[in-house]
Amino acid sequence: MFALAGCFLISYWARYLTSFCANIDYILIGDVVMPRAYVLITTESGSVDSVIASLKKMDSVKETYMVYGVYDVIALVEAETMEKLKEIVTWNLRSLDKVRSTLTMIAVEEQK
């Protein structure tokens, strides 16, 4: 594992926050560096099992957990690039039937 530091300007939140720096956590697999994110998912009532079954069919979803609380499911997603990760979350996870909302947390650094 290694981290890549980067700084980002947030124009939408400019009145609250002008910029932030983050260490983006990547997984090194051979010569390929892979960013990852935890996606917290809220499902429609009674549909957790079907959402988890759909998530498990996706190659980029490495782990899934049913949880209690505000969210129903947590999924660990890995991709080749940050752009691909964004596409997976935006177009694949969020478009699943019975998914009401998502919250994506980019992993910045693994703690050991």
Foldseek 3Di string as FASTA:
>chain_A
DAWDKDKDADPVCCVPDGIDIFTFQWDCDPPATKWKKKKFWAFAPPCLVVLVVLLVVDPQFDDKDQDDDPGGMITMGIDRDPVVVVCCVVPPNCPDPGTDDMDIGTDRDDDD
